[in-house]
């Protein structure tokens, strides 16, 4: 007996087939299946194909309970993955992506964190000095 599958469409119109029991780990997809049935393509307009491929890889790995623990992910990719997990309501993937980012940046300087997370430092030198003085333990 073959397993029922769903077709997901990324925001860049790429199609992905995935077993339904894996896809419905996403609360968003589960709700869409309940509302509309699973007979057609499920559009995911806020998730690009590269990120959706990573989400599907994660869901397949969870099926076998294996995770790549020593893999050093790229921070921008992990942030996209976390956003997709948030949009698709996959809490465990969201937690895993955020924990990986936290682990990667834990020894970074302030400047490295700002660069890695693509945050513009708009503090004046005086504001930055005041923050560094107040929170010396963090620097």
N, C-alpha and C. Protein backbone atom coordinates (compact mmCIF):
# COMPACT_ATOMS: atom_id res chain seq x y z
N UNK A 1 0.84 -1.17 0.00
CA UNK A 1 0.00 0.00 0.00
C UNK A 1 0.89 1.24 0.00
N UNK A 2 0.66 2.16 -0.93
CA UNK A 2 1.49 3.34 -1.01
C UNK A 2 1.01 4.39 -0.01
N UNK A 3 1.96 5.18 0.45
CA UNK A 3 1.63 6.22 1.42
C UNK A 3 1.10 7.43 0.68
N UNK A 4 0.14 8.09 1.27
CA UNK A 4 -0.46 9.28 0.66
C UNK A 4 0.56 10.40 0.67
N UNK A 5 0.65 11.13 -0.44
CA UNK A 5 1.61 12.23 -0.50
C UNK A 5 0.90 13.53 -0.85
N UNK A 6 1.58 14.62 -0.55
CA UNK A 6 1.09 15.96 -0.84
C UNK A 6 2.09 16.65 -1.74
N UNK A 7 1.63 17.64 -2.47
CA UNK A 7 2.52 18.47 -3.28
C UNK A 7 2.50 19.87 -2.69
N UNK A 8 3.69 20.35 -2.35
CA UNK A 8 3.85 21.69 -1.80
C UNK A 8 4.47 22.58 -2.86
N UNK A 9 4.03 23.83 -2.95
CA UNK A 9 4.60 24.76 -3.92
C UNK A 9 5.23 25.94 -3.18
N UNK A 10 6.52 26.14 -3.43
CA UNK A 10 7.25 27.24 -2.80
C UNK A 10 6.86 28.57 -3.44
N UNK A 11 7.33 29.66 -2.83
CA UNK A 11 6.98 30.98 -3.36
C UNK A 11 7.57 31.22 -4.74
N UNK A 12 8.64 30.48 -5.10
CA UNK A 12 9.20 30.60 -6.44
C UNK A 12 8.70 29.50 -7.37
N UNK A 13 7.55 28.94 -7.03
CA UNK A 13 6.77 28.02 -7.87
C UNK A 13 7.40 26.64 -8.08
N UNK A 14 8.33 26.25 -7.23
CA UNK A 14 8.90 24.90 -7.28
C UNK A 14 7.95 23.95 -6.57
N UNK A 15 7.79 22.76 -7.13
CA UNK A 15 6.89 21.76 -6.54
C UNK A 15 7.70 20.70 -5.80
N UNK A 16 7.20 20.29 -4.65
CA UNK A 16 7.84 19.28 -3.82
C UNK A 16 6.79 18.27 -3.39
N UNK A 17 7.10 16.99 -3.57
CA UNK A 17 6.23 15.93 -3.07
C UNK A 17 6.76 15.47 -1.72
N UNK A 18 5.85 15.24 -0.80
CA UNK A 18 6.22 14.80 0.55
C UNK A 18 5.09 13.92 1.07
N UNK A 19 5.47 12.92 1.85
CA UNK A 19 4.45 12.05 2.45
C UNK A 19 3.58 12.89 3.38
N UNK A 20 2.27 12.66 3.31
CA UNK A 20 1.33 13.47 4.09
C UNK A 20 1.62 13.40 5.59
N UNK A 21 1.94 12.20 6.10
CA UNK A 21 2.16 12.09 7.55
C UNK A 21 3.37 12.91 8.00
N UNK A 22 4.30 13.19 7.09
CA UNK A 22 5.43 14.06 7.43
C UNK A 22 5.02 15.53 7.33
N UNK A 23 4.32 15.86 6.26
CA UNK A 23 3.94 17.26 6.02
C UNK A 23 3.05 17.81 7.11
N UNK A 24 2.17 16.98 7.66
CA UNK A 24 1.23 17.49 8.66
C UNK A 24 1.87 17.70 10.04
N UNK A 25 3.18 17.49 10.13
CA UNK A 25 3.88 17.93 11.34
C UNK A 25 3.85 19.46 11.40
N UNK A 26 3.68 20.08 10.24
CA UNK A 26 3.47 21.53 10.18
C UNK A 26 2.01 21.80 10.49
N UNK A 27 1.77 22.57 11.53
CA UNK A 27 0.39 22.90 11.90
C UNK A 27 -0.28 23.67 10.76
N UNK A 28 0.47 24.53 10.11
CA UNK A 28 -0.07 25.30 8.98
C UNK A 28 -0.55 24.38 7.87
N UNK A 29 0.28 23.43 7.48
CA UNK A 29 -0.10 22.50 6.41
C UNK A 29 -1.24 21.61 6.87
N UNK A 30 -1.18 21.14 8.11
CA UNK A 30 -2.25 20.30 8.65
C UNK A 30 -3.60 21.02 8.56
N UNK A 31 -3.61 22.30 8.94
CA UNK A 31 -4.86 23.07 8.87
C UNK A 31 -5.32 23.25 7.43
N UNK A 32 -4.39 23.45 6.51
CA UNK A 32 -4.76 23.60 5.10
C UNK A 32 -5.36 22.30 4.56
N UNK A 33 -4.80 21.17 4.96
CA UNK A 33 -5.32 19.87 4.52
C UNK A 33 -6.72 19.66 5.08
N UNK A 34 -6.92 20.01 6.35
CA UNK A 34 -8.24 19.85 6.97
C UNK A 34 -9.29 20.72 6.28
N UNK A 35 -8.91 21.95 5.97
CA UNK A 35 -9.85 22.90 5.37
C UNK A 35 -10.16 22.58 3.91
N UNK A 36 -9.12 22.29 3.14
CA UNK A 36 -9.29 22.16 1.69
C UNK A 36 -9.13 20.75 1.16
N UNK A 37 -8.77 19.82 2.02
CA UNK A 37 -8.45 18.48 1.52
C UNK A 37 -7.06 18.50 0.93
N UNK A 38 -6.58 17.36 0.54
CA UNK A 38 -5.20 17.27 0.06
C UNK A 38 -5.15 16.95 -1.43
N UNK A 39 -6.18 17.29 -2.16
CA UNK A 39 -6.25 16.88 -3.55
C UNK A 39 -5.44 17.75 -4.50
N UNK A 40 -5.07 18.95 -4.08
CA UNK A 40 -4.35 19.83 -4.99
C UNK A 40 -3.01 20.25 -4.40
N UNK A 41 -2.38 21.16 -5.09
CA UNK A 41 -1.09 21.69 -4.66
C UNK A 41 -1.32 22.66 -3.50
N UNK A 42 -0.48 22.54 -2.48
CA UNK A 42 -0.57 23.43 -1.31
C UNK A 42 0.45 24.55 -1.49
N UNK A 43 -0.01 25.79 -1.67
CA UNK A 43 0.92 26.90 -1.88
C UNK A 43 1.51 27.37 -0.55
N UNK A 44 2.80 27.64 -0.58
CA UNK A 44 3.50 28.18 0.59
C UNK A 44 4.18 29.47 0.14
N UNK A 45 3.44 30.57 0.03
CA UNK A 45 3.93 31.79 -0.60
C UNK A 45 5.02 32.54 0.15
N UNK A 46 5.34 32.14 1.36
CA UNK A 46 6.39 32.84 2.10
C UNK A 46 7.65 32.01 2.30
N UNK A 47 7.71 30.83 1.64
CA UNK A 47 8.87 29.94 1.82
C UNK A 47 9.49 29.67 0.45
N UNK A 48 10.77 30.04 0.27
CA UNK A 48 11.41 29.80 -1.02
C UNK A 48 11.80 28.33 -1.17
N UNK A 49 12.15 27.93 -2.39
CA UNK A 49 12.39 26.51 -2.67
C UNK A 49 13.61 25.97 -1.93
N UNK A 50 14.66 26.77 -1.80
CA UNK A 50 15.85 26.31 -1.09
C UNK A 50 15.52 26.00 0.37
N UNK A 51 14.77 26.89 1.00
CA UNK A 51 14.39 26.70 2.39
C UNK A 51 13.39 25.56 2.54
N UNK A 52 12.44 25.46 1.62
CA UNK A 52 11.46 24.37 1.69
C UNK A 52 12.15 23.02 1.56
N UNK A 53 13.17 22.94 0.72
CA UNK A 53 13.92 21.69 0.60
C UNK A 53 14.56 21.32 1.94
N UNK A 54 15.06 22.31 2.67
CA UNK A 54 15.65 22.06 3.99
C UNK A 54 14.59 21.63 5.00
N UNK A 55 13.41 22.24 4.93
CA UNK A 55 12.31 21.85 5.82
C UNK A 55 11.94 20.39 5.57
N UNK A 56 11.81 20.02 4.30
CA UNK A 56 11.45 18.64 3.96
C UNK A 56 12.54 17.67 4.39
N UNK A 57 13.80 18.07 4.21
CA UNK A 57 14.91 17.23 4.67
C UNK A 57 14.81 17.01 6.18
N UNK A 58 14.52 18.07 6.93
CA UNK A 58 14.36 17.97 8.38
C UNK A 58 13.22 17.01 8.73
N UNK A 59 12.08 17.16 8.08
CA UNK A 59 10.93 16.30 8.37
C UNK A 59 11.25 14.84 8.05
N UNK A 60 11.97 14.59 6.98
CA UNK A 60 12.37 13.22 6.65
C UNK A 60 13.35 12.66 7.67
N UNK A 61 14.26 13.48 8.14
CA UNK A 61 15.23 13.02 9.15
C UNK A 61 14.52 12.72 10.47
N UNK A 62 13.52 13.52 10.82
CA UNK A 62 12.77 13.26 12.06
C UNK A 62 12.06 11.92 11.98
N UNK A 63 11.69 11.52 10.76
CA UNK A 63 11.01 10.23 10.57
C UNK A 63 11.92 9.10 11.06
N UNK A 64 13.20 9.23 10.79
CA UNK A 64 14.14 8.18 11.19
C UNK A 64 14.87 8.54 12.49
N UNK A 65 14.49 9.70 13.07
CA UNK A 65 15.07 10.16 14.34
C UNK A 65 16.57 10.40 14.24
N UNK A 66 17.06 10.77 13.07
CA UNK A 66 18.47 11.10 12.93
C UNK A 66 18.61 12.57 12.58
N UNK A 67 19.56 13.21 13.20
CA UNK A 67 19.81 14.62 12.94
C UNK A 67 21.30 14.79 12.71
N UNK A 68 21.65 15.74 11.88
CA UNK A 68 23.06 16.05 11.66
C UNK A 68 23.49 17.03 12.74
N UNK A 69 24.10 16.53 13.78
CA UNK A 69 24.44 17.39 14.92
C UNK A 69 25.74 18.16 14.72
N UNK A 70 26.67 17.64 13.94
CA UNK A 70 27.97 18.28 13.82
C UNK A 70 28.07 19.16 12.58
N UNK A 71 26.99 19.31 11.88
CA UNK A 71 27.02 20.11 10.67
C UNK A 71 26.97 21.58 11.01
N UNK A 72 27.91 22.33 10.49
CA UNK A 72 27.94 23.78 10.73
C UNK A 72 27.14 24.46 9.65
N UNK A 73 25.95 24.91 10.01
CA UNK A 73 25.09 25.58 9.03
C UNK A 73 25.49 27.02 8.86
N UNK A 74 25.16 27.54 7.74
CA UNK A 74 25.35 28.96 7.49
C UNK A 74 24.26 29.73 8.23
N UNK A 75 24.65 30.77 8.91
CA UNK A 75 23.70 31.53 9.72
C UNK A 75 22.54 32.09 8.88
N UNK A 76 22.79 32.71 7.72
CA UNK A 76 21.64 33.21 6.95
C UNK A 76 20.66 32.09 6.55
N UNK A 77 21.18 30.93 6.20
CA UNK A 77 20.32 29.80 5.85
C UNK A 77 19.53 29.34 7.06
N UNK A 78 20.17 29.28 8.21
CA UNK A 78 19.48 28.89 9.44
C UNK A 78 18.39 29.89 9.81
N UNK A 79 18.66 31.17 9.59
CA UNK A 79 17.64 32.18 9.89
C UNK A 79 16.45 32.05 8.95
N UNK A 80 16.70 31.75 7.67
CA UNK A 80 15.60 31.51 6.73
C UNK A 80 14.81 30.27 7.15
N UNK A 81 15.53 29.25 7.59
CA UNK A 81 14.89 28.02 8.04
C UNK A 81 14.01 28.30 9.27
N UNK A 82 14.51 29.11 10.19
CA UNK A 82 13.73 29.47 11.37
C UNK A 82 12.47 30.25 10.99
N UNK A 83 12.61 31.17 10.02
CA UNK A 83 11.43 31.93 9.57
C UNK A 83 10.41 31.00 8.92
N UNK A 84 10.90 30.05 8.11
CA UNK A 84 9.98 29.09 7.48
C UNK A 84 9.29 28.23 8.54
N UNK A 85 10.05 27.79 9.53
CA UNK A 85 9.47 26.97 10.60
C UNK A 85 8.41 27.76 11.37
N UNK A 86 8.66 29.04 11.57
CA UNK A 86 7.67 29.90 12.24
C UNK A 86 6.42 30.02 11.37
N UNK A 87 6.61 30.25 10.08
CA UNK A 87 5.48 30.40 9.16
C UNK A 87 4.68 29.11 9.04
N UNK A 88 5.38 27.96 9.04
CA UNK A 88 4.73 26.67 8.89
C UNK A 88 4.31 26.07 10.23
N UNK A 89 4.66 26.73 11.31
CA UNK A 89 4.32 26.29 12.66
C UNK A 89 4.86 24.89 12.94
N UNK A 90 6.20 24.77 12.79
CA UNK A 90 6.90 23.53 13.13
C UNK A 90 7.83 23.87 14.29
N UNK A 91 7.32 23.78 15.50
CA UNK A 91 8.02 24.25 16.69
C UNK A 91 9.39 23.60 16.88
N UNK A 92 9.49 22.31 16.69
CA UNK A 92 10.78 21.64 16.92
C UNK A 92 11.84 22.11 15.94
N UNK A 93 11.46 22.37 14.69
CA UNK A 93 12.41 22.89 13.71
C UNK A 93 12.81 24.32 14.07
N UNK A 94 11.86 25.12 14.50
CA UNK A 94 12.14 26.49 14.93
C UNK A 94 13.15 26.47 16.07
N UNK A 95 12.90 25.63 17.07
CA UNK A 95 13.80 25.53 18.21
C UNK A 95 15.19 25.07 17.77
N UNK A 96 15.26 24.07 16.90
CA UNK A 96 16.55 23.53 16.46
C UNK A 96 17.34 24.58 15.69
N UNK A 97 16.69 25.30 14.79
CA UNK A 97 17.39 26.32 14.00
C UNK A 97 17.89 27.45 14.90
N UNK A 98 17.06 27.90 15.83
CA UNK A 98 17.46 28.98 16.73
C UNK A 98 18.58 28.54 17.67
N UNK A 99 18.50 27.31 18.15
CA UNK A 99 19.56 26.79 19.03
C UNK A 99 20.88 26.69 18.27
N UNK A 100 20.82 26.31 16.99
CA UNK A 100 22.04 26.20 16.19
C UNK A 100 22.65 27.58 15.98
N UNK A 101 21.82 28.59 15.68
CA UNK A 101 22.33 29.95 15.51
C UNK A 101 22.95 30.43 16.82
N UNK A 102 22.27 30.20 17.93
CA UNK A 102 22.80 30.61 19.24
C UNK A 102 24.14 29.95 19.52
N UNK A 103 24.23 28.66 19.19
CA UNK A 103 25.48 27.94 19.40
C UNK A 103 26.60 28.51 18.52
N UNK A 104 26.28 28.87 17.29
CA UNK A 104 27.30 29.39 16.37
C UNK A 104 27.80 30.77 16.79
N UNK A 105 26.94 31.60 17.37
CA UNK A 105 27.35 32.97 17.69
C UNK A 105 27.74 33.17 19.15
N UNK A 106 27.70 32.12 19.95
CA UNK A 106 27.91 32.30 21.40
C UNK A 106 29.26 32.89 21.76
N UNK A 107 30.29 32.68 20.95
CA UNK A 107 31.61 33.22 21.25
C UNK A 107 31.97 34.42 20.38
N UNK A 108 31.01 34.96 19.65
CA UNK A 108 31.26 36.10 18.78
C UNK A 108 31.37 37.38 19.60
N UNK A 109 32.12 38.32 19.07
CA UNK A 109 32.12 39.67 19.63
C UNK A 109 30.81 40.35 19.21
N UNK A 110 30.53 41.49 19.81
CA UNK A 110 29.34 42.24 19.44
C UNK A 110 29.35 42.55 17.95
N UNK A 111 30.49 42.98 17.45
CA UNK A 111 30.61 43.33 16.04
C UNK A 111 30.34 42.11 15.15
N UNK A 112 30.83 40.95 15.54
CA UNK A 112 30.61 39.73 14.76
C UNK A 112 29.14 39.31 14.78
N UNK A 113 28.49 39.47 15.94
CA UNK A 113 27.05 39.14 16.02
C UNK A 113 26.25 40.05 15.10
N UNK A 114 26.53 41.35 15.17
CA UNK A 114 25.81 42.30 14.32
C UNK A 114 26.01 41.96 12.84
N UNK A 115 27.24 41.63 12.47
CA UNK A 115 27.52 41.28 11.07
C UNK A 115 26.83 39.97 10.69
N UNK A 116 26.92 38.96 11.53
CA UNK A 116 26.34 37.65 11.22
C UNK A 116 24.83 37.72 11.08
N UNK A 117 24.19 38.54 11.91
CA UNK A 117 22.73 38.66 11.88
C UNK A 117 22.26 39.80 10.98
N UNK A 118 23.23 40.44 10.32
CA UNK A 118 22.94 41.53 9.38
C UNK A 118 22.14 42.65 10.05
N UNK A 119 22.65 43.05 11.21
CA UNK A 119 22.04 44.14 11.98
C UNK A 119 22.95 45.35 11.87
N UNK A 120 22.37 46.48 11.51
CA UNK A 120 23.15 47.71 11.41
C UNK A 120 23.34 48.30 12.80
N UNK A 121 24.58 48.62 13.13
CA UNK A 121 24.87 49.25 14.41
C UNK A 121 24.63 50.75 14.26
N UNK A 122 23.52 51.22 14.79
CA UNK A 122 23.19 52.64 14.68
C UNK A 122 23.39 53.39 16.00
N UNK A 123 24.16 52.79 16.90
CA UNK A 123 24.47 53.45 18.16
C UNK A 123 25.54 54.52 17.94
N UNK A 124 25.42 55.59 18.69
CA UNK A 124 26.50 56.58 18.69
C UNK A 124 27.63 55.99 19.52
N UNK A 125 28.85 56.50 19.36
CA UNK A 125 29.95 56.00 20.20
C UNK A 125 29.64 56.14 21.70
N UNK A 126 28.95 57.20 22.07
CA UNK A 126 28.60 57.41 23.48
C UNK A 126 27.61 56.35 23.97
N UNK A 127 26.60 56.06 23.14
CA UNK A 127 25.61 55.03 23.51
C UNK A 127 26.28 53.66 23.63
N UNK A 128 27.15 53.36 22.69
CA UNK A 128 27.84 52.06 22.73
C UNK A 128 28.71 51.96 23.98
N UNK A 129 29.43 53.04 24.32
CA UNK A 129 30.27 53.02 25.52
C UNK A 129 29.41 52.82 26.77
N UNK A 130 28.27 53.50 26.85
CA UNK A 130 27.38 53.37 28.01
C UNK A 130 26.88 51.93 28.14
N UNK A 131 26.52 51.32 27.04
CA UNK A 131 26.05 49.92 27.06
C UNK A 131 27.17 48.99 27.48
N UNK A 132 28.37 49.21 26.90
CA UNK A 132 29.51 48.35 27.27
C UNK A 132 29.87 48.51 28.74
N UNK A 133 29.77 49.74 29.26
CA UNK A 133 30.07 49.97 30.67
C UNK A 133 29.03 49.30 31.57
N UNK A 134 27.76 49.40 31.19
CA UNK A 134 26.69 48.83 32.02
C UNK A 134 26.70 47.30 32.01
N UNK A 135 27.05 46.73 30.88
CA UNK A 135 27.00 45.27 30.73
C UNK A 135 28.39 44.70 30.43
N UNK A 136 29.38 45.09 31.25
CA UNK A 136 30.75 44.65 31.02
C UNK A 136 30.87 43.13 30.96
N UNK A 137 30.09 42.44 31.74
CA UNK A 137 30.15 40.97 31.78
C UNK A 137 29.84 40.35 30.43
N UNK A 138 29.09 41.06 29.59
CA UNK A 138 28.69 40.49 28.30
C UNK A 138 29.74 40.72 27.21
N UNK A 139 30.70 41.58 27.50
CA UNK A 139 31.70 41.90 26.49
C UNK A 139 33.02 41.35 26.92
